[in-house]
C-alpha atoms as a PDB file:
ATOM      1  CA  MET A   1      98.850  79.474  99.081  1.00  0.00           C
ATOM      2  CA  LEU A   2      98.075  76.549 101.973  1.00  0.00           C
ATOM      3  CA  GLU A   3     102.190  75.743 101.783  1.00  0.00           C
ATOM      4  CA  LYS A   4     102.876  79.311 102.631  1.00  0.00           C
ATOM      5  CA  LEU A   5     100.684  79.579 105.150  1.00  0.00           C
ATOM      6  CA  LYS A   6     101.879  76.428 106.980  1.00  0.00           C
ATOM      7  CA  GLU A   7     105.135  77.848 106.685  1.00  0.00           C
ATOM      8  CA  LEU A   8     104.262  81.088 108.458  1.00  0.00           C
ATOM      9  CA  ALA A   9     102.351  79.354 110.995  1.00  0.00           C
ATOM     10  CA  LEU A  10     106.166  77.301 111.593  1.00  0.00           C
ATOM     11  CA  ARG A  11     107.554  80.282 111.500  1.00  0.00           C
ATOM     12  CA  GLN A  12     105.420  82.119 114.214  1.00  0.00           C
ATOM     13  CA  GLU A  13     105.921  79.042 116.536  1.00  0.00           C
ATOM     14  CA  GLU A  14     109.852  79.249 115.857  1.00  0.00           C
ATOM     15  CA  LEU A  15     109.545  82.790 117.114  1.00  0.00           C
ATOM     16  CA  GLU A  16     107.654  81.918 119.865  1.00  0.00           C
ATOM     17  CA  ALA A  17     110.017  79.286 121.029  1.00  0.00           C
ATOM     18  CA  GLN A  18     112.836  82.053 120.791  1.00  0.00           C
ATOM     19  CA  LEU A  19     111.379  84.172 123.346  1.00  0.00           C
ATOM     20  CA  SER A  20     111.695  81.540 125.960  1.00  0.00           C
ATOM     21  CA  ASP A  21     115.721  82.046 125.362  1.00  0.00           C
ATOM     22  CA  PRO A  22     117.223  84.496 128.030  1.00  0.00           C
ATOM     23  CA  THR A  23     120.195  85.364 125.958  1.00  0.00           C
ATOM     24  CA  VAL A  24     117.379  87.054 123.339  1.00  0.00           C
ATOM     25  CA  TYR A  25     116.028  89.653 126.144  1.00  0.00           C
ATOM     26  CA  ALA A  26     120.178  90.337 126.582  1.00  0.00           C
ATOM     27  CA  ASP A  27     120.141  91.524 122.702  1.00  0.00           C
ATOM     28  CA  THR A  28     117.719  94.425 122.325  1.00  0.00           C
ATOM     29  CA  GLY A  29     118.049  94.738 118.388  1.00  0.00           C
ATOM     30  CA  ARG A  30     117.276  90.809 118.384  1.00  0.00           C
ATOM     31  CA  LEU A  31     114.249  91.183 120.618  1.00  0.00           C
ATOM     32  CA  ARG A  32     112.737  93.982 118.737  1.00  0.00           C
ATOM     33  CA  GLU A  33     113.360  92.073 115.379  1.00  0.00           C
ATOM     34  CA  ILE A  34     111.745  88.835 116.874  1.00  0.00           C
ATOM     35  CA  GLN A  35     108.744  91.066 118.340  1.00  0.00           C
ATOM     36  CA  ARG A  36     108.053  92.893 114.929  1.00  0.00           C
ATOM     37  CA  GLU A  37     108.146  89.948 112.913  1.00  0.00           C
ATOM     38  CA  LEU A  38     105.385  88.218 115.286  1.00  0.00           C
ATOM     39  CA  LYS A  39     103.058  91.271 115.120  1.00  0.00           C
ATOM     40  CA  GLU A  40     103.168  90.810 111.313  1.00  0.00           C
ATOM     41  CA  LEU A  41     102.761  87.245 111.283  1.00  0.00           C
ATOM     42  CA  GLY A  42      99.694  87.262 113.689  1.00  0.00           C
ATOM     43  CA  PRO A  43      97.163  88.490 111.646  1.00  0.00           C
ATOM     44  CA  VAL A  44      97.831  85.843 109.040  1.00  0.00           C
ATOM     45  CA  VAL A  45      98.195  82.680 110.938  1.00  0.00           C
ATOM     46  CA  GLU A  46      95.146  83.824 113.259  1.00  0.00           C
ATOM     47  CA  ALA A  47      93.204  83.971 109.871  1.00  0.00           C
ATOM     48  CA  TRP A  48      94.530  80.750 108.594  1.00  0.00           C
ATOM     49  CA  ARG A  49      93.244  79.098 111.887  1.00  0.00           C
ATOM     50  CA  ALA A  50      90.061  80.494 111.748  1.00  0.00           C
ATOM     51  CA  TRP A  51      90.109  79.368 108.147  1.00  0.00           C
ATOM     52  CA  LYS A  52      90.749  75.740 109.123  1.00  0.00           C
ATOM     53  CA  GLU A  53      88.315  75.795 111.483  1.00  0.00           C
ATOM     54  CA  ALA A  54      85.838  77.072 109.113  1.00  0.00           C
ATOM     55  CA  GLN A  55      86.665  74.042 106.893  1.00  0.00           C
ATOM     56  CA  SER A  56      86.387  71.793 109.446  1.00  0.00           C
ATOM     57  CA  ARG A  57      82.922  72.985 110.151  1.00  0.00           C
ATOM     58  CA  GLN A  58      81.901  72.455 106.501  1.00  0.00           C
ATOM     59  CA  SER A  59      83.391  69.213 106.596  1.00  0.00           C
ATOM     60  CA  GLU A  60      81.085  67.983 109.436  1.00  0.00           C
ATOM     61  CA  ALA A  61      78.040  69.913 107.978  1.00  0.00           C
ATOM     62  CA  GLU A  62      78.409  67.821 105.215  1.00  0.00           C
ATOM     63  CA  ALA A  63      78.495  64.443 106.798  1.00  0.00           C
ATOM     64  CA  LEU A  64      75.677  65.363 108.499  1.00  0.00           C
ATOM     65  CA  LEU A  65      73.237  66.117 105.351  1.00  0.00           C
ATOM     66  CA  HIS A  66      72.657  62.068 105.010  1.00  0.00           C
ATOM     67  CA  ASP A  67      70.583  62.107 108.463  1.00  0.00           C
ATOM     68  CA  PRO A  68      67.133  63.313 107.967  1.00  0.00           C
ATOM     69  CA  GLU A  69      66.828  64.501 111.279  1.00  0.00           C
ATOM     70  CA  MET A  70      69.636  66.467 111.340  1.00  0.00           C
ATOM     71  CA  LYS A  71      69.477  67.706 107.608  1.00  0.00           C
ATOM     72  CA  ALA A  72      68.190  71.284 108.105  1.00  0.00           C
ATOM     73  CA  LEU A  73      70.465  72.092 110.834  1.00  0.00           C
ATOM     74  CA  ALA A  74      73.253  70.990 108.938  1.00  0.00           C
ATOM     75  CA  GLN A  75      72.339  72.891 106.099  1.00  0.00           C
ATOM     76  CA  GLU A  76      72.080  75.989 108.267  1.00  0.00           C
ATOM     77  CA  GLU A  77      75.708  75.153 109.554  1.00  0.00           C
ATOM     78  CA  LEU A  78      76.934  74.376 105.989  1.00  0.00           C
ATOM     79  CA  SER A  79      76.004  77.917 104.440  1.00  0.00           C
ATOM     80  CA  GLU A  80      77.390  79.774 107.536  1.00  0.00           C
ATOM     81  CA  ALA A  81      80.501  77.688 107.062  1.00  0.00           C
ATOM     82  CA  ARG A  82      80.670  78.414 103.406  1.00  0.00           C
ATOM     83  CA  ARG A  83      80.290  82.169 103.961  1.00  0.00           C
ATOM     84  CA  ASP A  84      83.090  82.109 106.496  1.00  0.00           C
ATOM     85  CA  LEU A  85      85.260  80.698 104.150  1.00  0.00           C
ATOM     86  CA  GLU A  86      84.803  82.773 101.493  1.00  0.00           C
ATOM     87  CA  ARG A  87      85.175  85.687 104.003  1.00  0.00           C
ATOM     88  CA  LEU A  88      88.613  84.296 105.347  1.00  0.00           C
ATOM     89  CA  GLU A  89      89.769  83.436 101.905  1.00  0.00           C
ATOM     90  CA  ASN A  90      89.502  87.040 100.730  1.00  0.00           C
ATOM     91  CA  GLU A  91      91.374  88.236 103.691  1.00  0.00           C
ATOM     92  CA  LEU A  92      94.164  85.928 103.712  1.00  0.00           C
ATOM     93  CA  LYS A  93      94.660  86.916 100.027  1.00  0.00           C
ATOM     94  CA  ILE A  94      94.914  90.541 101.082  1.00  0.00           C
ATOM     95  CA  LEU A  95      97.239  89.703 104.267  1.00  0.00           C
ATOM     96  CA  LEU A  96      99.250  87.957 101.909  1.00  0.00           C
ATOM     97  CA  LEU A  97      99.970  90.838  99.440  1.00  0.00           C
ATOM     98  CA  PRO A  98     103.482  91.906  99.296  1.00  0.00           C
ATOM     99  CA  ARG A  99     103.955  94.713 101.915  1.00  0.00           C
ATOM    100  CA  ASP A 100     105.153  98.106 101.523  1.00  0.00           C
ATOM    101  CA  PRO A 101     108.672  98.207 103.509  1.00  0.00           C
ATOM    102  CA  ASN A 102     107.833 101.994 104.227  1.00  0.00           C
ATOM    103  CA  ASP A 103     104.295 101.553 105.726  1.00  0.00           C
ATOM    104  CA  GLU A 104     105.747 101.026 109.383  1.00  0.00           C
ATOM    105  CA  ARG A 105     108.009 104.419 108.991  1.00  0.00           C
ATOM    106  CA  ASN A 106     107.546 107.895 110.322  1.00  0.00           C
ATOM    107  CA  VAL A 107     106.636 110.578 108.140  1.00  0.00           C
ATOM    108  CA  ILE A 108     107.812 113.751 106.650  1.00  0.00           C
ATOM    109  CA  LEU A 109     104.640 115.359 105.568  1.00  0.00           C
ATOM    110  CA  GLU A 110     105.162 118.475 102.841  1.00  0.00           C
ATOM    111  CA  ILE A 111     102.428 120.967 102.264  1.00  0.00           C
ATOM    112  CA  ARG A 112     102.460 123.760  99.652  1.00  0.00           C
ATOM    113  CA  SER A 113      99.982 126.376  98.535  1.00  0.00           C
ATOM    114  CA  GLY A 114      99.090 125.934  95.019  1.00  0.00           C
ATOM    115  CA  ALA A 115      97.047 127.879  92.580  1.00  0.00           C
ATOM    116  CA  GLY A 116      94.853 130.714  93.924  1.00  0.00           C
ATOM    117  CA  GLY A 117      97.052 133.230  95.543  1.00  0.00           C
ATOM    118  CA  GLU A 118      95.864 134.166  99.336  1.00  0.00           C
ATOM    119  CA  GLU A 119      93.248 132.007  99.416  1.00  0.00           C
ATOM    120  CA  ALA A 120      95.709 128.917  98.660  1.00  0.00           C
ATOM    121  CA  ALA A 121      97.809 129.933 101.336  1.00  0.00           C
ATOM    122  CA  ILE A 122      95.053 130.002 103.833  1.00  0.00           C
ATOM    123  CA  PHE A 123      93.593 126.284 102.406  1.00  0.00           C
ATOM    124  CA  ALA A 124      96.996 124.979 103.252  1.00  0.00           C
ATOM    125  CA  GLY A 125      97.030 126.027 106.589  1.00  0.00           C
ATOM    126  CA  ASP A 126      93.413 124.440 106.790  1.00  0.00           C
ATOM    127  CA  LEU A 127      95.080 121.006 105.703  1.00  0.00           C
ATOM    128  CA  LEU A 128      98.219 121.547 108.136  1.00  0.00           C
ATOM    129  CA  ARG A 129      95.544 121.795 110.760  1.00  0.00           C
ATOM    130  CA  MET A 130      93.717 118.717 109.354  1.00  0.00           C
ATOM    131  CA  TYR A 131      96.648 116.594 109.382  1.00  0.00           C
ATOM    132  CA  THR A 132      97.952 117.561 112.610  1.00  0.00           C
ATOM    133  CA  MET A 133      94.430 116.478 114.115  1.00  0.00           C
ATOM    134  CA  TYR A 134      94.443 113.298 112.486  1.00  0.00           C
ATOM    135  CA  ALA A 135      97.911 112.607 113.861  1.00  0.00           C
ATOM    136  CA  GLN A 136      96.295 113.392 117.329  1.00  0.00           C
ATOM    137  CA  ARG A 137      93.560 111.022 116.860  1.00  0.00           C
ATOM    138  CA  ARG A 138      96.034 108.201 115.803  1.00  0.00           C
ATOM    139  CA  GLY A 139      97.986 108.937 119.002  1.00  0.00           C
ATOM    140  CA  TRP A 140     101.252 110.261 117.058  1.00  0.00           C
ATOM    141  CA  GLN A 141     103.553 112.722 117.583  1.00  0.00           C
ATOM    142  CA  THR A 142     104.126 115.662 115.393  1.00  0.00           C
ATOM    143  CA  GLU A 143     106.838 118.255 115.173  1.00  0.00           C
ATOM    144  CA  VAL A 144     106.979 121.213 112.763  1.00  0.00           C
ATOM    145  CA  VAL A 145     110.208 121.089 110.910  1.00  0.00           C
ATOM    146  CA  SER A 146     109.781 124.024 108.625  1.00  0.00           C
ATOM    147  CA  LEU A 147     107.054 126.708 108.599  1.00  0.00           C
ATOM    148  CA  SER A 148     106.691 129.913 106.074  1.00  0.00           C
ATOM    149  CA  ARG A 149     103.649 131.761 106.723  1.00  0.00           C
ATOM    150  CA  MET A 150     102.027 134.854 104.471  1.00  0.00           C
ATOM    151  CA  GLU A 151     101.329 138.162 105.863  1.00  0.00           C
ATOM    152  CA  GLN A 152      97.867 137.301 105.852  1.00  0.00           C
ATOM    153  CA  GLY A 153      98.277 134.096 107.990  1.00  0.00           C
ATOM    154  CA  GLY A 154      98.148 131.536 105.615  1.00  0.00           C
ATOM    155  CA  VAL A 155     101.023 128.743 104.649  1.00  0.00           C
ATOM    156  CA  ARG A 156     103.398 129.121 102.194  1.00  0.00           C
ATOM    157  CA  GLU A 157     104.962 125.757 102.785  1.00  0.00           C
ATOM    158  CA  CYS A 158     105.710 123.822 105.766  1.00  0.00           C
ATOM    159  CA  ALA A 159     106.984 120.132 106.780  1.00  0.00           C
ATOM    160  CA  VAL A 160     106.151 118.332 109.862  1.00  0.00           C
ATOM    161  CA  LEU A 161     107.789 115.270 110.874  1.00  0.00           C
ATOM    162  CA  ILE A 162     105.238 112.478 112.059  1.00  0.00           C
ATOM    163  CA  GLU A 163     106.020 109.815 114.537  1.00  0.00           C
ATOM    164  CA  GLY A 164     103.519 106.727 114.988  1.00  0.00           C
ATOM    165  CA  GLU A 165     103.037 103.054 114.627  1.00  0.00           C
ATOM    166  CA  GLY A 166     101.918 102.924 110.817  1.00  0.00           C
ATOM    167  CA  ALA A 167     101.988 106.570 109.790  1.00  0.00           C
ATOM    168  CA  TYR A 168     103.176 106.180 106.413  1.00  0.00           C
ATOM    169  CA  SER A 169     100.815 103.197 105.988  1.00  0.00           C
ATOM    170  CA  ARG A 170      97.774 105.620 106.714  1.00  0.00           C
ATOM    171  CA  LEU A 171      99.263 108.783 104.928  1.00  0.00           C
ATOM    172  CA  LYS A 172     100.672 107.647 101.770  1.00  0.00           C
ATOM    173  CA  PHE A 173      97.810 108.077  99.736  1.00  0.00           C
ATOM    174  CA  GLU A 174      97.503 111.591 100.695  1.00  0.00           C
ATOM    175  CA  SER A 175     100.293 112.653  98.196  1.00  0.00           C
ATOM    176  CA  GLY A 176      98.807 114.718  95.639  1.00  0.00           C
ATOM    177  CA  VAL A 177      96.855 118.003  94.432  1.00  0.00           C
ATOM    178  CA  HIS A 178      94.271 119.154  97.215  1.00  0.00           C
ATOM    179  CA  GLN A 179      91.891 121.371  95.564  1.00  0.00           C
ATOM    180  CA  VAL A 180      88.968 123.573  97.767  1.00  0.00           C
ATOM    181  CA  LYS A 181      86.102 125.533  96.266  1.00  0.00           C
ATOM    182  CA  ARG A 182      84.537 127.909  98.516  1.00  0.00           C
ATOM    183  CA  VAL A 183      83.963 131.797  99.017  1.00  0.00           C
ATOM    184  CA  PRO A 184      87.098 132.938 100.581  1.00  0.00           C
ATOM    185  CA  VAL A 185      87.329 135.310 103.764  1.00  0.00           C
ATOM    186  CA  THR A 186      88.562 138.011 101.352  1.00  0.00           C
ATOM    187  CA  GLU A 187      85.801 137.731  98.685  1.00  0.00           C
ATOM    188  CA  SER A 188      83.362 140.640  99.001  1.00  0.00           C
ATOM    189  CA  ASN A 189      80.992 139.535  96.370  1.00  0.00           C
ATOM    190  CA  GLY A 190      80.179 135.976  97.575  1.00  0.00           C
ATOM    191  CA  ARG A 191      82.057 134.371  94.656  1.00  0.00           C
ATOM    192  CA  ILE A 192      83.095 130.673  95.079  1.00  0.00           C
ATOM    193  CA  GLN A 193      86.600 130.492  94.294  1.00  0.00           C
ATOM    194  CA  THR A 194      89.028 127.326  93.195  1.00  0.00           C
ATOM    195  CA  SER A 195      92.206 126.824  94.783  1.00  0.00           C
ATOM    196  CA  THR A 196      94.843 124.095  95.385  1.00  0.00           C
ATOM    197  CA  ALA A 197      97.788 123.050  97.591  1.00  0.00           C
ATOM    198  CA  THR A 198      99.959 120.223  96.993  1.00  0.00           C
ATOM    199  CA  VAL A 199     100.667 117.522  99.696  1.00  0.00           C
ATOM    200  CA  ALA A 200     103.961 114.939  99.583  1.00  0.00           C
ATOM    201  CA  VAL A 201     103.964 112.208 102.088  1.00  0.00           C
ATOM    202  CA  LEU A 202     107.764 111.211 102.404  1.00  0.00           C
ATOM    203  CA  PRO A 203     108.864 107.976 104.388  1.00  0.00           C
ATOM    204  CA  GLU A 204     111.460 109.127 106.845  1.00  0.00           C
ATOM    205  CA  ALA A 205     114.996 107.756 106.266  1.00  0.00           C
ATOM    206  CA  SER A 206     117.877 106.944 109.026  1.00  0.00           C
ATOM    207  CA  GLU A 207     121.435 107.924 108.727  1.00  0.00           C
ATOM    208  CA  VAL A 208     122.286 104.617 107.719  1.00  0.00           C
ATOM    209  CA  GLU A 209     120.002 104.531 104.375  1.00  0.00           C
ATOM    210  CA  VAL A 210     121.224 107.664 103.494  1.00  0.00           C
ATOM    211  CA  ALA A 211     124.568 108.550 104.037  1.00  0.00           C
ATOM    212  CA  ILE A 212     125.033 112.239 103.219  1.00  0.00           C
ATOM    213  CA  ASP A 213     129.162 113.206 102.554  1.00  0.00           C
ATOM    214  CA  PRO A 214     129.473 116.610 104.534  1.00  0.00           C
ATOM    215  CA  LYS A 215     131.581 117.966 101.472  1.00  0.00           C
ATOM    216  CA  ASP A 216     128.457 117.654  99.521  1.00  0.00           C
ATOM    217  CA  LEU A 217     126.532 119.959 101.733  1.00  0.00           C
ATOM    218  CA  GLN A 218     126.610 123.818 101.563  1.00  0.00           C
ATOM    219  CA  THR A 219     125.262 125.058 105.138  1.00  0.00           C
ATOM    220  CA  ASP A 220     123.816 129.106 105.185  1.00  0.00           C
ATOM    221  CA  THR A 221     122.562 130.402 108.001  1.00  0.00           C
ATOM    222  CA  TYR A 222     120.113 133.506 108.744  1.00  0.00           C
ATOM    223  CA  ARG A 223     117.752 134.784 111.080  1.00  0.00           C
ATOM    224  CA  SER A 224     114.372 133.299 111.540  1.00  0.00           C
ATOM    225  CA  SER A 225     111.732 135.916 110.286  1.00  0.00           C
ATOM    226  CA  GLY A 226     108.010 135.899 111.024  1.00  0.00           C
ATOM    227  CA  ALA A 227     105.351 137.198 108.931  1.00  0.00           C
ATOM    228  CA  GLY A 228     105.821 140.270 106.955  1.00  0.00           C
ATOM    229  CA  GLY A 229     109.801 139.621 107.175  1.00  0.00           C
ATOM    230  CA  GLN A 230     109.684 140.440 111.030  1.00  0.00           C
ATOM    231  CA  HIS A 231     112.860 139.223 112.795  1.00  0.00           C
ATOM    232  CA  VAL A 232     111.812 137.238 115.725  1.00  0.00           C
ATOM    233  CA  ASN A 233     115.240 136.289 116.182  1.00  0.00           C
ATOM    234  CA  LYS A 234     118.160 138.258 116.579  1.00  0.00           C
ATOM    235  CA  THR A 235     120.772 135.351 116.073  1.00  0.00           C
ATOM    236  CA  GLU A 236     121.523 133.486 112.872  1.00  0.00           C
ATOM    237  CA  SER A 237     119.489 130.213 114.084  1.00  0.00           C
ATOM    238  CA  ALA A 238     117.861 129.848 111.080  1.00  0.00           C
ATOM    239  CA  VAL A 239     119.473 126.769 108.408  1.00  0.00           C
ATOM    240  CA  ARG A 240     119.191 126.447 104.783  1.00  0.00           C
ATOM    241  CA  LEU A 241     120.967 123.184 103.492  1.00  0.00           C
ATOM    242  CA  THR A 242     121.636 122.642  99.982  1.00  0.00           C
ATOM    243  CA  HIS A 243     122.726 119.419  98.847  1.00  0.00           C
ATOM    244  CA  LEU A 244     125.230 119.917  95.857  1.00  0.00           C
ATOM    245  CA  PRO A 245     124.631 116.917  93.890  1.00  0.00           C
ATOM    246  CA  THR A 246     121.174 117.060  93.643  1.00  0.00           C
ATOM    247  CA  GLY A 247     120.293 120.607  93.929  1.00  0.00           C
ATOM    248  CA  LEU A 248     118.008 120.095  96.699  1.00  0.00           C
ATOM    249  CA  VAL A 249     117.478 122.725  99.148  1.00  0.00           C
ATOM    250  CA  VAL A 250     115.864 122.270 103.031  1.00  0.00           C
ATOM    251  CA  THR A 251     115.543 125.184 105.224  1.00  0.00           C
ATOM    252  CA  CYS A 252     114.591 125.071 108.842  1.00  0.00           C
ATOM    253  CA  GLN A 253     114.032 128.080 111.350  1.00  0.00           C
ATOM    254  CA  ASP A 254     111.339 126.729 113.876  1.00  0.00           C
ATOM    255  CA  GLU A 255     113.930 126.369 116.731  1.00  0.00           C
ATOM    256  CA  ARG A 256     115.875 128.984 118.398  1.00  0.00           C
ATOM    257  CA  SER A 257     118.839 126.802 118.123  1.00  0.00           C
ATOM    258  CA  GLN A 258     120.864 126.738 114.873  1.00  0.00           C
ATOM    259  CA  HIS A 259     121.914 123.035 115.987  1.00  0.00           C
ATOM    260  CA  LYS A 260     118.221 121.738 116.535  1.00  0.00           C
ATOM    261  CA  ASN A 261     117.527 123.704 113.186  1.00  0.00           C
ATOM    262  CA  ARG A 262     120.488 122.144 111.136  1.00  0.00           C
ATOM    263  CA  GLU A 263     119.427 118.600 112.483  1.00  0.00           C
ATOM    264  CA  LYS A 264     115.612 118.774 111.750  1.00  0.00           C
ATOM    265  CA  ALA A 265     116.665 120.278 108.003  1.00  0.00           C
ATOM    266  CA  LEU A 266     119.007 117.160 107.582  1.00  0.00           C
ATOM    267  CA  ARG A 267     116.246 114.848 108.576  1.00  0.00           C
ATOM    268  CA  VAL A 268     114.025 116.080 105.755  1.00  0.00           C
ATOM    269  CA  LEU A 269     117.142 116.079 103.178  1.00  0.00           C
ATOM    270  CA  GLN A 270     117.409 112.757 104.159  1.00  0.00           C
ATOM    271  CA  SER A 271     113.843 111.567 103.408  1.00  0.00           C
ATOM    272  CA  ARG A 272     113.951 113.357 100.139  1.00  0.00           C
ATOM    273  CA  LEU A 273     117.178 111.583  98.953  1.00  0.00           C
ATOM    274  CA  TYR A 274     115.691 108.380 100.138  1.00  0.00           C
ATOM    275  CA  GLU A 275     112.542 108.870  98.045  1.00  0.00           C
ATOM    276  CA  ARG A 276     114.324 109.853  95.334  1.00  0.00           C
ATOM    277  CA  GLU A 277     116.377 106.707  95.478  1.00  0.00           C
ATOM    278  CA  GLN A 278     113.128 104.536  95.787  1.00  0.00           C
ATOM    279  CA  GLU A 279     111.803 106.183  92.552  1.00  0.00           C
ATOM    280  CA  LYS A 280     114.716 105.426  90.619  1.00  0.00           C
ATOM    281  CA  GLN A 281     114.510 101.923  91.642  1.00  0.00           C
ATOM    282  CA  ASP A 282     110.761 101.746  90.523  1.00  0.00           C
ATOM    283  CA  ALA A 283     110.040 103.884  87.283  1.00  0.00           C
ATOM    284  CA  VAL A 284     106.264 102.878  87.463  1.00  0.00           C
ATOM    285  CA  GLN A 285     105.933 104.423  91.236  1.00  0.00           C
ATOM    286  CA  ALA A 286     107.829 107.581  90.087  1.00  0.00           C
ATOM    287  CA  SER A 287     105.491 108.296  87.026  1.00  0.00           C
ATOM    288  CA  GLU A 288     102.372 107.627  89.398  1.00  0.00           C
ATOM    289  CA  ARG A 289     104.158 110.047  92.009  1.00  0.00           C
ATOM    290  CA  ARG A 290     104.454 112.796  89.422  1.00  0.00           C
ATOM    291  CA  ASN A 291     101.197 112.302  88.081  1.00  0.00           C
ATOM    292  CA  GLN A 292      99.641 112.667  91.746  1.00  0.00           C
ATOM    293  CA  VAL A 293     101.386 115.509  92.871  1.00  0.00           C
ATOM    294  CA  GLY A 294     102.011 117.385  89.583  1.00  0.00           C
ATOM    295  CA  GLY A 295     102.724 121.009  89.616  1.00  0.00           C
ATOM    296  CA  GLY A 296      99.318 122.158  91.891  1.00  0.00           C
ATOM    297  CA  TYR A 297      97.343 122.621  88.890  1.00  0.00           C
ATOM    298  CA  ARG A 298      93.702 122.360  89.249  1.00  0.00           C
ATOM    299  CA  SER A 299      93.024 119.451  86.683  1.00  0.00           C
ATOM    300  CA  GLU A 300      95.571 117.214  88.995  1.00  0.00           C
ATOM    301  CA  LYS A 301      93.464 117.167  91.617  1.00  0.00           C
ATOM    302  CA  ILE A 302      92.920 114.235  93.801  1.00  0.00           C
ATOM    303  CA  ARG A 303      90.341 115.499  96.377  1.00  0.00           C
ATOM    304  CA  THR A 304      88.387 118.199  96.124  1.00  0.00           C
ATOM    305  CA  TYR A 305      86.681 120.069  99.280  1.00  0.00           C
ATOM    306  CA  ARG A 306      83.385 121.592  98.335  1.00  0.00           C
ATOM    307  CA  PHE A 307      82.105 123.915 101.230  1.00  0.00           C
ATOM    308  CA  ARG A 308      78.981 125.018  99.327  1.00  0.00           C
ATOM    309  CA  GLU A 309      77.669 121.265  99.528  1.00  0.00           C
ATOM    310  CA  GLY A 310      79.593 120.267 102.599  1.00  0.00           C
ATOM    311  CA  LEU A 311      81.283 117.610 100.746  1.00  0.00           C
ATOM    312  CA  ALA A 312      84.867 115.967 100.554  1.00  0.00           C
ATOM    313  CA  VAL A 313      85.230 114.137  97.240  1.00  0.00           C
ATOM    314  CA  ASP A 314      88.126 111.670  96.815  1.00  0.00           C
ATOM    315  CA  HIS A 315      88.467 111.414  92.818  1.00  0.00           C
ATOM    316  CA  ARG A 316      90.874 108.286  92.673  1.00  0.00           C
ATOM    317  CA  ALA A 317      88.159 105.716  94.913  1.00  0.00           C
ATOM    318  CA  GLY A 318      85.042 107.702  94.113  1.00  0.00           C
ATOM    319  CA  VAL A 319      84.695 108.458  98.125  1.00  0.00           C
ATOM    320  CA  LEU A 320      82.248 110.950  98.640  1.00  0.00           C
ATOM    321  CA  GLU A 321      82.013 112.061 102.338  1.00  0.00           C
ATOM    322  CA  ALA A 322      79.269 114.225 103.368  1.00  0.00           C
ATOM    323  CA  ARG A 323      81.165 115.288 106.441  1.00  0.00           C
ATOM    324  CA  LEU A 324      83.382 117.979 105.161  1.00  0.00           C
ATOM    325  CA  ALA A 325      83.741 119.873 108.649  1.00  0.00           C
ATOM    326  CA  ALA A 326      84.623 116.524 110.313  1.00  0.00           C
ATOM    327  CA  VAL A 327      87.027 115.498 107.820  1.00  0.00           C
ATOM    328  CA  LEU A 328      88.603 119.209 108.360  1.00  0.00           C
ATOM    329  CA  ASP A 329      88.687 118.309 111.763  1.00  0.00           C
ATOM    330  CA  GLY A 330      90.918 115.207 111.214  1.00  0.00           C
ATOM    331  CA  ASP A 331      88.297 112.734 110.875  1.00  0.00           C
ATOM    332  CA  LEU A 332      89.996 110.947 107.781  1.00  0.00           C
ATOM    333  CA  ASP A 333      89.697 106.989 108.574  1.00  0.00           C
ATOM    334  CA  GLU A 334      86.825 106.407 106.734  1.00  0.00           C
ATOM    335  CA  MET A 335      88.336 108.121 103.420  1.00  0.00           C
ATOM    336  CA  ILE A 336      91.632 106.467 104.037  1.00  0.00           C
ATOM    337  CA  ASP A 337      90.308 102.973 104.266  1.00  0.00           C
ATOM    338  CA  ALA A 338      88.639 103.210 101.088  1.00  0.00           C
ATOM    339  CA  LEU A 339      91.540 104.217  99.521  1.00  0.00           C
ATOM    340  CA  THR A 340      93.616 101.514 100.929  1.00  0.00           C
ATOM    341  CA  ALA A 341      91.070  99.178  99.909  1.00  0.00           C
ATOM    342  CA  ALA A 342      90.910 100.359  96.513  1.00  0.00           C
ATOM    343  CA  ASP A 343      94.779  99.838  96.653  1.00  0.00           C
ATOM    344  CA  GLN A 344      94.598  96.185  97.672  1.00  0.00           C
ATOM    345  CA  ALA A 345      91.577  95.269  95.178  1.00  0.00           C
ATOM    346  CA  GLU A 346      94.175  96.658  92.132  1.00  0.00           C
ATOM    347  CA  LYS A 347      96.838  94.466  93.502  1.00  0.00           C
ATOM    348  CA  LEU A 348      94.800  91.437  93.786  1.00  0.00           C
ATOM    349  CA  LYS A 349      93.430  92.155  90.376  1.00  0.00           C
ATOM    350  CA  GLY A 350      97.439  92.699  89.060  1.00  0.00           C
ATOM    351  CA  GLY A 351      98.189  89.280  90.739  1.00  0.00           C
ATOM    352  CA  GLY A 352      99.842  90.843  93.888  1.00  0.00           C
ATOM    353  CA  ASP A 353     102.603  92.862  92.214  1.00  0.00           C
ATOM    354  CA  GLY A 354     103.663  96.129  93.738  1.00  0.00           C
END
């Protein structure tokens, strides 16, 4: 590990030296790549320098233990240095874990109502609001790509583009079946109902990574419609794209412009194809994803929102949040931090694979 850390520190010095070269600033692509790499290296090299400093303090304290007048002070300094070394070693192990190459990507977030009829659609709408508010807290931009509502106002299904630093790294553990236990507004007898919605988090793909042959696309246009089938647009601006080789279908009717709707639908299609290719390359990941998202059945849940007790319970990391209202208002960081820590612990236990 020490040799790897020395190499990273040297790499940081090399990149910083390159920034003093005027020709680098003339090449925006190269400059962006250098800045990206420096940003990744920063926390690792900083932790390694802190570790070296703690090691030096430990050596100095050990040398002073033989001095009767300094022994008490040296023992105190030695204990502190050892605590810092242990903490920094654990931090460095986590920082050196293989990075998910998708972590810095933007996200296509898809939500679909599952078991529970009208109440499931209302719950899907609650989740859409929750993630939109979380994005606002993080300073990310959100853009609705497609949105299909029920007559009563709930969300049948939707797709949202979320753009911002580290969006995928923060949201990737949200994929799965979310379950709600509450008394529906439509329930007159006060009985608690269990309903579900599924969430899928796709890393956004670029045109370079996923090239789609125009011959493989079937494009259908139709009129955008509101709840209850009422036409809100007299022109055929809504777009349905069908990828013929895979059968994947994406619709978009959010914009008044047919061109913009097609552009948005294409972004979603590229991301779905990118994810499909990723899953082919990693069969284990594919299996995990199928287990997480599943078919929207109650038995496949990853998180439950229990209104009577005011709790949000994540069944994977054993996280229990007694602040349900805050969670539904987008205060998700505590829960996401726990899931990230559990994932890191699992990777450390497995020797850093994955």
